[in-house]
Amino acid sequence: MAEVVNERIEEMLPELEQMERVKLFKKREIRQITSRRKIYEYKLKRRQKVKEDFLQYIQYEINLLALVKKRREGTGYTFKKLEIDHAIVQRIHKLFKMCLSRFPEDIKLWLTYIAFARKRRENAVVSKQYSKMLQVHNKKPELWVAAAKWEFEHNNNPDTARSLIQRGLRFNEQSRTLWLEYYRLELMYAEKMLRRKELLGDTLEDEDEVSDAVLQGQVAKVVYANAIETIPEDVNFLLSFLPICQLFEFTRDQEETICQELREHHSDQPVAWDALARRCLGRQDQLAENDGEDPELMFHKVYEEAVNTVPSDEIWSLYITACLELLAKKSKNSVKKKRLQRVLLVFEEAKDAGCLEANLYLKWIDVLCDTGCPSKALEVSKEAVVANPMVCDLWHKRLSLLVTSNEATDKIQEELKQAQNLLPQKETWPLVQLVLEYTISIDAADTTVRLLESSMIGRSEVSTPAKNLYLEYEYLKHGIDQARKIYNRVQQFKPVCADFYKAYISMELAQSKPKMKIIRSVFEEAVREHGSHEPDLWLDYIKLESSHEHGKPASVGNIHFRAVKALTGTLNQEFIKKYTLLQTSAS
């Protein structure tokens, strides 16, 4: 092994001598480079080859090459690049190839090598490595696409790009990505030839001359036909061709073909109608010129035909979403008003058809609120909860509208009770919280207390935050004496969360003369309930006794012993770590 490594280092000597001779590196630096390379060479000679060793060596050589470039800029010496720079680059190539021969399954490694070659503009190397990578990873459509894109866009080689896509399709015939990229590539090639013909006029001759069929995108049309034949009855795949087609000016006939295909073979699919309707807005100038109709009017006509042909929740949802997008666009006030009237009419029609989903009711209410129709919004919210009684968001929206419209508290409570009877109890806390915030804001103390009391009984998703809010509310409104009563009352409705205990302890400690007996009893109750999974409770207890002026430092050891005994696993380790830091900061 040593003989081989020494031989490799000797082969590098001319390069290193040139570095020193032209004063790019000092003698001490040359020794360091030699030493580092020797270490890496020994690693590569291990019986068990490790990929990271190759990568570290490659990265070292790349950094060295960058340093050489920087030194050249500093000294202004641009000669001897073949002996120095080229030698380093060849070593990097060799290391990449050695690594790839042992770890060909690593796609990231292939792409890293290709990126290195691309950065150095070594196009021949990039093409060769893409080809080798695809021999190993021929079932990866995204790699075929990446290789074809590079050949077409960067290497200016459309024939090779086309060949790569065709080979990729032989291995991945059902790949939608490859078919779409093949279609895009042929259209881009046709556009490129059109521009070339416009630039050179009629001077194209012999092999440079391109047929009219190619210029009109007929090759792409064949690709599209083969793709649809290979992957039939997939409306989403068919629709994927439409936005690609719309990028080019010479593909109007192909766009019409796709739309005709949608009408003839996919008229039962809502997404097909959505694409046809949106197309009316996509090329407004062309459509208006050809048909003499307002594009937006055509858009609505297509959707009206759609909702009659395939009446369903999905088609109404697509229609309303498209109308809302149209409404959100910048326009004149008269146009905006017209669009608003239309979208509100569509909401009404969808409701009458029984095809208005819960999320669309929410959007309808938002539109009404934004346009200053609160009474209509309230009316719609009532219809929404009747139609979708199990949707919590609709109840929340209705209650918030009742609150903002200053409805009577009794009515709001009645609506809340109705929601609680219909919804799973674990989902109702946001509704209860909304009403509580309202009753607190209007200082309806009796109503607030009754609601808090009733909320403490039930599932933890509601009772836990209700208990915390109850304690905070009474403390802020009536002070510590009332908070103590609430604490004692809440203790009857266990379990009580750790945050409740922490909040109450902070209230007691905030008093001018804290009652340590009460605070200790609360800590004891807290660690009894949560001591096995709350390290911070024990730490807070220790801080109290060790740092408070009325604390008992002598009891810290006992609390620590109990904490270590109660906590297990990672929680135990976490406690010990934090306790050590606490002791260190204290000292």
Foldseek 3Di string as FASTA:
>chain_A
DVVVLVVVLVVLVQQLVVCCVVPLDDPVVSVVVSVVSSVLVVQCPDPDHDLVSLVVNLVVLVVVLVSSVVSCVVVVDDPPCCSHVVVSVVVSVVSLVVSCVVVVVDVVSLVVVLVVCVVVPVVVVNLVSLVVNCVVVLVDLVSLLVNLCCCVPPVVHNVVSLVSLVSSCVNVVLDLVSLLSNLLSLQVVLVVLVVVCVVVPPPQDDPRDDDVCSNLSVVSVVSLVSNCVSVPPDLVSLVSNQVSLVVDDSNPVVNVVSLVCCVPPPLQDLVSLLSVLVVLVVCVVVCCVVPVDHSNVSSVVSLVVSCVSHPALVNLVSVLVVLVVVLPDDDDPVVNVVSLVVSLVSQVVCVVSVNHDLVNLVVNLVSCVVVPNLVVSLVSLVVSCVSPVADVVSLQVNLVSCLVVVHDLVVSVVSLVSSCVRYDVLSSQVSLVVSLVSCVVVVVVVVNVVSLVVQCPDDCSRNAVSLQVVLVVCCVVPNLVVSVVSVVVSVVRDDYDLVSLVVNLVRQVPDPDRDVVVNVVSLVVSCVRCLAPDLVSLVVVQCCQCPPPPHPNVCNVVSLVVSCVRYDDPSNVVNVVVVVVVVVVVD
